[in-house]
mmCIF file of all heavy atoms, coordinates in Angstrom:
data_MODEL
# 
_entry.id   MODEL 
# 
loop_
_atom_site.group_PDB 
_atom_site.id 
_atom_site.type_symbol 
_atom_site.label_atom_id 
_atom_site.label_alt_id 
_atom_site.label_comp_id 
_atom_site.label_asym_id 
_atom_site.label_entity_id 
_atom_site.label_seq_id 
_atom_site.pdbx_PDB_ins_code 
_atom_site.Cartn_x 
_atom_site.Cartn_y 
_atom_site.Cartn_z 
_atom_site.occupancy 
_atom_site.B_iso_or_equiv 
_atom_site.pdbx_formal_charge 
_atom_site.auth_seq_id 
_atom_site.auth_comp_id 
_atom_site.auth_asym_id 
_atom_site.auth_atom_id 
_atom_site.pdbx_PDB_model_num 
ATOM 1   N N   . ALA A 1 1  ? 151.538 80.248  86.766 1.00 0.00 ? 1  ALA A N   1 
ATOM 2   C CA  . ALA A 1 1  ? 151.890 81.354  85.869 1.00 0.00 ? 1  ALA A CA  1 
ATOM 3   C C   . ALA A 1 1  ? 150.637 82.120  85.478 1.00 0.00 ? 1  ALA A C   1 
ATOM 4   O O   . ALA A 1 1  ? 149.575 81.528  85.279 1.00 0.00 ? 1  ALA A O   1 
ATOM 5   C CB  . ALA A 1 1  ? 152.578 80.801  84.612 1.00 0.00 ? 1  ALA A CB  1 
ATOM 6   N N   . PRO A 1 2  ? 150.723 83.432  85.419 1.00 0.00 ? 2  PRO A N   1 
ATOM 7   C CA  . PRO A 1 2  ? 149.563 84.220  85.019 1.00 0.00 ? 2  PRO A CA  1 
ATOM 8   C C   . PRO A 1 2  ? 149.137 83.893  83.601 1.00 0.00 ? 2  PRO A C   1 
ATOM 9   O O   . PRO A 1 2  ? 149.966 83.582  82.734 1.00 0.00 ? 2  PRO A O   1 
ATOM 10  C CB  . PRO A 1 2  ? 150.071 85.669  85.124 1.00 0.00 ? 2  PRO A CB  1 
ATOM 11  C CG  . PRO A 1 2  ? 151.557 85.572  85.000 1.00 0.00 ? 2  PRO A CG  1 
ATOM 12  C CD  . PRO A 1 2  ? 151.920 84.254  85.642 1.00 0.00 ? 2  PRO A CD  1 
ATOM 13  N N   . ALA A 1 3  ? 147.821 83.925  83.379 1.00 0.00 ? 3  ALA A N   1 
ATOM 14  C CA  . ALA A 1 3  ? 147.302 83.636  82.044 1.00 0.00 ? 3  ALA A CA  1 
ATOM 15  C C   . ALA A 1 3  ? 147.746 84.714  81.065 1.00 0.00 ? 3  ALA A C   1 
ATOM 16  O O   . ALA A 1 3  ? 147.775 85.903  81.396 1.00 0.00 ? 3  ALA A O   1 
ATOM 17  C CB  . ALA A 1 3  ? 145.771 83.566  82.086 1.00 0.00 ? 3  ALA A CB  1 
ATOM 18  N N   . ALA A 1 4  ? 148.115 84.291  79.873 1.00 0.00 ? 4  ALA A N   1 
ATOM 19  C CA  . ALA A 1 4  ? 148.530 85.243  78.848 1.00 0.00 ? 4  ALA A CA  1 
ATOM 20  C C   . ALA A 1 4  ? 147.320 86.050  78.387 1.00 0.00 ? 4  ALA A C   1 
ATOM 21  O O   . ALA A 1 4  ? 146.233 85.509  78.186 1.00 0.00 ? 4  ALA A O   1 
ATOM 22  C CB  . ALA A 1 4  ? 149.148 84.503  77.663 1.00 0.00 ? 4  ALA A CB  1 
ATOM 23  N N   . GLN A 1 5  ? 147.518 87.364  78.247 1.00 0.00 ? 5  GLN A N   1 
ATOM 24  C CA  . GLN A 1 5  ? 146.426 88.204  77.777 1.00 0.00 ? 5  GLN A CA  1 
ATOM 25  C C   . GLN A 1 5  ? 146.328 88.134  76.268 1.00 0.00 ? 5  GLN A C   1 
ATOM 26  O O   . GLN A 1 5  ? 147.337 88.155  75.567 1.00 0.00 ? 5  GLN A O   1 
ATOM 27  C CB  . GLN A 1 5  ? 146.637 89.655  78.225 1.00 0.00 ? 5  GLN A CB  1 
ATOM 28  C CG  . GLN A 1 5  ? 146.474 89.851  79.725 1.00 0.00 ? 5  GLN A CG  1 
ATOM 29  C CD  . GLN A 1 5  ? 146.507 91.319  80.090 1.00 0.00 ? 5  GLN A CD  1 
ATOM 30  O OE1 . GLN A 1 5  ? 147.081 92.132  79.374 1.00 0.00 ? 5  GLN A OE1 1 
ATOM 31  N NE2 . GLN A 1 5  ? 145.888 91.656  81.200 1.00 0.00 ? 5  GLN A NE2 1 
ATOM 32  N N   . HIS A 1 6  ? 145.082 88.065  75.768 1.00 0.00 ? 6  HIS A N   1 
ATOM 33  C CA  . HIS A 1 6  ? 144.860 88.017  74.321 1.00 0.00 ? 6  HIS A CA  1 
ATOM 34  C C   . HIS A 1 6  ? 145.035 89.409  73.728 1.00 0.00 ? 6  HIS A C   1 
ATOM 35  O O   . HIS A 1 6  ? 144.487 90.383  74.223 1.00 0.00 ? 6  HIS A O   1 
ATOM 36  C CB  . HIS A 1 6  ? 143.448 87.516  74.025 1.00 0.00 ? 6  HIS A CB  1 
ATOM 37  C CG  . HIS A 1 6  ? 143.057 87.652  72.584 1.00 0.00 ? 6  HIS A CG  1 
ATOM 38  N ND1 . HIS A 1 6  ? 143.603 86.868  71.593 1.00 0.00 ? 6  HIS A ND1 1 
ATOM 39  C CD2 . HIS A 1 6  ? 142.189 88.501  71.969 1.00 0.00 ? 6  HIS A CD2 1 
ATOM 40  C CE1 . HIS A 1 6  ? 143.084 87.216  70.430 1.00 0.00 ? 6  HIS A CE1 1 
ATOM 41  N NE2 . HIS A 1 6  ? 142.218 88.202  70.631 1.00 0.00 ? 6  HIS A NE2 1 
ATOM 42  N N   . THR A 1 7  ? 145.847 89.520  72.708 1.00 0.00 ? 7  THR A N   1 
ATOM 43  C CA  . THR A 1 7  ? 146.018 90.776  72.001 1.00 0.00 ? 7  THR A CA  1 
ATOM 44  C C   . THR A 1 7  ? 145.516 90.601  70.579 1.00 0.00 ? 7  THR A C   1 
ATOM 45  O O   . THR A 1 7  ? 146.045 89.790  69.818 1.00 0.00 ? 7  THR A O   1 
ATOM 46  C CB  . THR A 1 7  ? 147.491 91.215  71.978 1.00 0.00 ? 7  THR A CB  1 
ATOM 47  O OG1 . THR A 1 7  ? 147.950 91.355  73.330 1.00 0.00 ? 7  THR A OG1 1 
ATOM 48  C CG2 . THR A 1 7  ? 147.646 92.548  71.267 1.00 0.00 ? 7  THR A CG2 1 
ATOM 49  N N   . SER A 1 8  ? 144.505 91.362  70.219 1.00 0.00 ? 8  SER A N   1 
ATOM 50  C CA  . SER A 1 8  ? 143.936 91.256  68.884 1.00 0.00 ? 8  SER A CA  1 
ATOM 51  C C   . SER A 1 8  ? 144.838 91.937  67.870 1.00 0.00 ? 8  SER A C   1 
ATOM 52  O O   . SER A 1 8  ? 145.577 92.874  68.198 1.00 0.00 ? 8  SER A O   1 
ATOM 53  C CB  . SER A 1 8  ? 142.550 91.904  68.853 1.00 0.00 ? 8  SER A CB  1 
ATOM 54  O OG  . SER A 1 8  ? 142.117 92.094  67.519 1.00 0.00 ? 8  SER A OG  1 
ATOM 55  N N   . ALA A 1 9  ? 144.741 91.491  66.620 1.00 0.00 ? 9  ALA A N   1 
ATOM 56  C CA  . ALA A 1 9  ? 145.483 92.136  65.542 1.00 0.00 ? 9  ALA A CA  1 
ATOM 57  C C   . ALA A 1 9  ? 144.968 93.537  65.263 1.00 0.00 ? 9  ALA A C   1 
ATOM 58  O O   . ALA A 1 9  ? 145.618 94.302  64.541 1.00 0.00 ? 9  ALA A O   1 
ATOM 59  C CB  . ALA A 1 9  ? 145.411 91.287  64.280 1.00 0.00 ? 9  ALA A CB  1 
ATOM 60  N N   . LEU A 1 10 ? 143.819 93.899  65.838 1.00 0.00 ? 10 LEU A N   1 
ATOM 61  C CA  . LEU A 1 10 ? 143.291 95.255  65.654 1.00 0.00 ? 10 LEU A CA  1 
ATOM 62  C C   . LEU A 1 10 ? 143.648 96.190  66.812 1.00 0.00 ? 10 LEU A C   1 
ATOM 63  O O   . LEU A 1 10 ? 143.322 97.373  66.752 1.00 0.00 ? 10 LEU A O   1 
ATOM 64  C CB  . LEU A 1 10 ? 141.774 95.221  65.474 1.00 0.00 ? 10 LEU A CB  1 
ATOM 65  C CG  . LEU A 1 10 ? 141.257 94.716  64.139 1.00 0.00 ? 10 LEU A CG  1 
ATOM 66  C CD1 . LEU A 1 10 ? 139.735 94.806  64.075 1.00 0.00 ? 10 LEU A CD1 1 
ATOM 67  C CD2 . LEU A 1 10 ? 141.874 95.488  62.972 1.00 0.00 ? 10 LEU A CD2 1 
ATOM 68  N N   . THR A 1 11 ? 144.276 95.673  67.831 1.00 0.00 ? 11 THR A N   1 
ATOM 69  C CA  . THR A 1 11 ? 144.651 96.531  68.956 1.00 0.00 ? 11 THR A CA  1 
ATOM 70  C C   . THR A 1 11 ? 145.585 97.642  68.491 1.00 0.00 ? 11 THR A C   1 
ATOM 71  O O   . THR A 1 11 ? 146.612 97.389  67.856 1.00 0.00 ? 11 THR A O   1 
ATOM 72  C CB  . THR A 1 11 ? 145.336 95.705  70.057 1.00 0.00 ? 11 THR A CB  1 
ATOM 73  O OG1 . THR A 1 11 ? 144.435 94.705  70.534 1.00 0.00 ? 11 THR A OG1 1 
ATOM 74  C CG2 . THR A 1 11 ? 145.750 96.595  71.213 1.00 0.00 ? 11 THR A CG2 1 
ATOM 75  N N   . GLY A 1 12 ? 145.190 98.874  68.770 1.00 0.00 ? 12 GLY A N   1 
ATOM 76  C CA  . GLY A 1 12 ? 146.004 100.014 68.373 1.00 0.00 ? 12 GLY A CA  1 
ATOM 77  C C   . GLY A 1 12 ? 145.843 100.431 66.928 1.00 0.00 ? 12 GLY A C   1 
ATOM 78  O O   . GLY A 1 12 ? 146.477 101.397 66.483 1.00 0.00 ? 12 GLY A O   1 
ATOM 79  N N   . ARG A 1 13 ? 144.996 99.738  66.169 1.00 0.00 ? 13 ARG A N   1 
ATOM 80  C CA  . ARG A 1 13 ? 144.753 100.091 64.766 1.00 0.00 ? 13 ARG A CA  1 
ATOM 81  C C   . ARG A 1 13 ? 143.593 101.079 64.671 1.00 0.00 ? 13 ARG A C   1 
ATOM 82  O O   . ARG A 1 13 ? 142.782 101.191 65.582 1.00 0.00 ? 13 ARG A O   1 
ATOM 83  C CB  . ARG A 1 13 ? 144.436 98.848  63.933 1.00 0.00 ? 13 ARG A CB  1 
ATOM 84  C CG  . ARG A 1 13 ? 145.457 97.743  64.028 1.00 0.00 ? 13 ARG A CG  1 
ATOM 85  C CD  . ARG A 1 13 ? 146.816 98.189  63.534 1.00 0.00 ? 13 ARG A CD  1 
ATOM 86  N NE  . ARG A 1 13 ? 147.767 97.091  63.519 1.00 0.00 ? 13 ARG A NE  1 
ATOM 87  C CZ  . ARG A 1 13 ? 149.056 97.220  63.218 1.00 0.00 ? 13 ARG A CZ  1 
ATOM 88  N NH1 . ARG A 1 13 ? 149.543 98.399  62.916 1.00 0.00 ? 13 ARG A NH1 1 
ATOM 89  N NH2 . ARG A 1 13 ? 149.856 96.179  63.222 1.00 0.00 ? 13 ARG A NH2 1 
ATOM 90  N N   . THR A 1 14 ? 143.524 101.784 63.546 1.00 0.00 ? 14 THR A N   1 
ATOM 91  C CA  . THR A 1 14 ? 142.440 102.725 63.308 1.00 0.00 ? 14 THR A CA  1 
ATOM 92  C C   . THR A 1 14 ? 141.616 102.244 62.127 1.00 0.00 ? 14 THR A C   1 
ATOM 93  O O   . THR A 1 14 ? 142.158 101.972 61.047 1.00 0.00 ? 14 THR A O   1 
ATOM 94  C CB  . THR A 1 14 ? 142.981 104.137 63.017 1.00 0.00 ? 14 THR A CB  1 
ATOM 95  O OG1 . THR A 1 14 ? 143.759 104.577 64.127 1.00 0.00 ? 14 THR A OG1 1 
ATOM 96  C CG2 . THR A 1 14 ? 141.830 105.111 62.779 1.00 0.00 ? 14 THR A CG2 1 
ATOM 97  N N   . VAL A 1 15 ? 140.317 102.129 62.359 1.00 0.00 ? 15 VAL A N   1 
ATOM 98  C CA  . VAL A 1 15 ? 139.377 101.640 61.347 1.00 0.00 ? 15 VAL A CA  1 
ATOM 99  C C   . VAL A 1 15 ? 138.393 102.756 61.019 1.00 0.00 ? 15 VAL A C   1 
ATOM 100 O O   . VAL A 1 15 ? 137.743 103.305 61.908 1.00 0.00 ? 15 VAL A O   1 
ATOM 101 C CB  . VAL A 1 15 ? 138.622 100.398 61.852 1.00 0.00 ? 15 VAL A CB  1 
ATOM 102 C CG1 . VAL A 1 15 ? 137.566 99.965  60.828 1.00 0.00 ? 15 VAL A CG1 1 
ATOM 103 C CG2 . VAL A 1 15 ? 139.584 99.247  62.142 1.00 0.00 ? 15 VAL A CG2 1 
ATOM 104 N N   . VAL A 1 16 ? 138.273 103.091 59.752 1.00 0.00 ? 16 VAL A N   1 
ATOM 105 C CA  . VAL A 1 16 ? 137.293 104.061 59.273 1.00 0.00 ? 16 VAL A CA  1 
ATOM 106 C C   . VAL A 1 16 ? 136.141 103.294 58.637 1.00 0.00 ? 16 VAL A C   1 
ATOM 107 O O   . VAL A 1 16 ? 136.362 102.437 57.777 1.00 0.00 ? 16 VAL A O   1 
ATOM 108 C CB  . VAL A 1 16 ? 137.909 105.024 58.243 1.00 0.00 ? 16 VAL A CB  1 
ATOM 109 C CG1 . VAL A 1 16 ? 136.841 105.947 57.655 1.00 0.00 ? 16 VAL A CG1 1 
ATOM 110 C CG2 . VAL A 1 16 ? 139.032 105.836 58.871 1.00 0.00 ? 16 VAL A CG2 1 
ATOM 111 N N   . VAL A 1 17 ? 134.914 103.592 59.066 1.00 0.00 ? 17 VAL A N   1 
ATOM 112 C CA  . VAL A 1 17 ? 133.731 102.967 58.465 1.00 0.00 ? 17 VAL A CA  1 
ATOM 113 C C   . VAL A 1 17 ? 132.897 104.070 57.838 1.00 0.00 ? 17 VAL A C   1 
ATOM 114 O O   . VAL A 1 17 ? 132.325 104.908 58.536 1.00 0.00 ? 17 VAL A O   1 
ATOM 115 C CB  . VAL A 1 17 ? 132.901 102.182 59.492 1.00 0.00 ? 17 VAL A CB  1 
ATOM 116 C CG1 . VAL A 1 17 ? 131.727 101.501 58.789 1.00 0.00 ? 17 VAL A CG1 1 
ATOM 117 C CG2 . VAL A 1 17 ? 133.763 101.141 60.209 1.00 0.00 ? 17 VAL A CG2 1 
ATOM 118 N N   . ILE A 1 18 ? 132.840 104.077 56.523 1.00 0.00 ? 18 ILE A N   1 
ATOM 119 C CA  . ILE A 1 18 ? 132.056 105.062 55.784 1.00 0.00 ? 18 ILE A CA  1 
ATOM 120 C C   . ILE A 1 18 ? 130.659 104.492 55.599 1.00 0.00 ? 18 ILE A C   1 
ATOM 121 O O   . ILE A 1 18 ? 130.465 103.509 54.889 1.00 0.00 ? 18 ILE A O   1 
ATOM 122 C CB  . ILE A 1 18 ? 132.717 105.387 54.431 1.00 0.00 ? 18 ILE A CB  1 
ATOM 123 C CG1 . ILE A 1 18 ? 134.098 106.005 54.668 1.00 0.00 ? 18 ILE A CG1 1 
ATOM 124 C CG2 . ILE A 1 18 ? 131.834 106.312 53.595 1.00 0.00 ? 18 ILE A CG2 1 
ATOM 125 C CD1 . ILE A 1 18 ? 134.888 106.265 53.402 1.00 0.00 ? 18 ILE A CD1 1 
ATOM 126 N N   . GLY A 1 19 ? 129.699 105.094 56.272 1.00 0.00 ? 19 GLY A N   1 
ATOM 127 C CA  . GLY A 1 19 ? 128.352 104.538 56.336 1.00 0.00 ? 19 GLY A CA  1 
ATOM 128 C C   . GLY A 1 19 ? 128.210 103.686 57.585 1.00 0.00 ? 19 GLY A C   1 
ATOM 129 O O   . GLY A 1 19 ? 127.599 102.613 57.541 1.00 0.00 ? 19 GLY A O   1 
ATOM 130 N N   . GLY A 1 20 ? 128.764 104.180 58.694 1.00 0.00 ? 20 GLY A N   1 
ATOM 131 C CA  . GLY A 1 20 ? 128.853 103.358 59.900 1.00 0.00 ? 20 GLY A CA  1 
ATOM 132 C C   . GLY A 1 20 ? 127.816 103.642 60.961 1.00 0.00 ? 20 GLY A C   1 
ATOM 133 O O   . GLY A 1 20 ? 128.006 103.240 62.103 1.00 0.00 ? 20 GLY A O   1 
ATOM 134 N N   . SER A 1 21 ? 126.726 104.303 60.609 1.00 0.00 ? 21 SER A N   1 
ATOM 135 C CA  . SER A 1 21 ? 125.754 104.675 61.638 1.00 0.00 ? 21 SER A CA  1 
ATOM 136 C C   . SER A 1 21 ? 124.652 103.644 61.835 1.00 0.00 ? 21 SER A C   1 
ATOM 137 O O   . SER A 1 21 ? 123.844 103.780 62.753 1.00 0.00 ? 21 SER A O   1 
ATOM 138 C CB  . SER A 1 21 ? 125.123 106.040 61.309 1.00 0.00 ? 21 SER A CB  1 
ATOM 139 O OG  . SER A 1 21 ? 124.423 105.984 60.077 1.00 0.00 ? 21 SER A OG  1 
ATOM 140 N N   . ALA A 1 22 ? 124.606 102.608 61.009 1.00 0.00 ? 22 ALA A N   1 
ATOM 141 C CA  . ALA A 1 22 ? 123.555 101.589 61.139 1.00 0.00 ? 22 ALA A CA  1 
ATOM 142 C C   . ALA A 1 22 ? 123.973 100.330 60.392 1.00 0.00 ? 22 ALA A C   1 
ATOM 143 O O   . ALA A 1 22 ? 124.931 100.331 59.620 1.00 0.00 ? 22 ALA A O   1 
ATOM 144 C CB  . ALA A 1 22 ? 122.212 102.109 60.597 1.00 0.00 ? 22 ALA A CB  1 
ATOM 145 N N   . GLY A 1 23 ? 123.243 99.244  60.638 1.00 0.00 ? 23 GLY A N   1 
ATOM 146 C CA  . GLY A 1 23 ? 123.389 98.030  59.853 1.00 0.00 ? 23 GLY A CA  1 
ATOM 147 C C   . GLY A 1 23 ? 124.765 97.412  59.885 1.00 0.00 ? 23 GLY A C   1 
ATOM 148 O O   . GLY A 1 23 ? 125.425 97.320  60.935 1.00 0.00 ? 23 GLY A O   1 
ATOM 149 N N   . ILE A 1 24 ? 125.240 96.997  58.718 1.00 0.00 ? 24 ILE A N   1 
ATOM 150 C CA  . ILE A 1 24 ? 126.523 96.306  58.596 1.00 0.00 ? 24 ILE A CA  1 
ATOM 151 C C   . ILE A 1 24 ? 127.669 97.195  59.063 1.00 0.00 ? 24 ILE A C   1 
ATOM 152 O O   . ILE A 1 24 ? 128.594 96.746  59.747 1.00 0.00 ? 24 ILE A O   1 
ATOM 153 C CB  . ILE A 1 24 ? 126.742 95.847  57.142 1.00 0.00 ? 24 ILE A CB  1 
ATOM 154 C CG1 . ILE A 1 24 ? 125.744 94.743  56.784 1.00 0.00 ? 24 ILE A CG1 1 
ATOM 155 C CG2 . ILE A 1 24 ? 128.172 95.363  56.934 1.00 0.00 ? 24 ILE A CG2 1 
ATOM 156 C CD1 . ILE A 1 24 ? 125.713 94.408  55.305 1.00 0.00 ? 24 ILE A CD1 1 
# 
């Protein structure tokens, strides 16, 4: 049987990072 593909809970989600150009 083919191996099941891992689907992350973030797949298809949109994340906004305010201050996302460096560091954390």
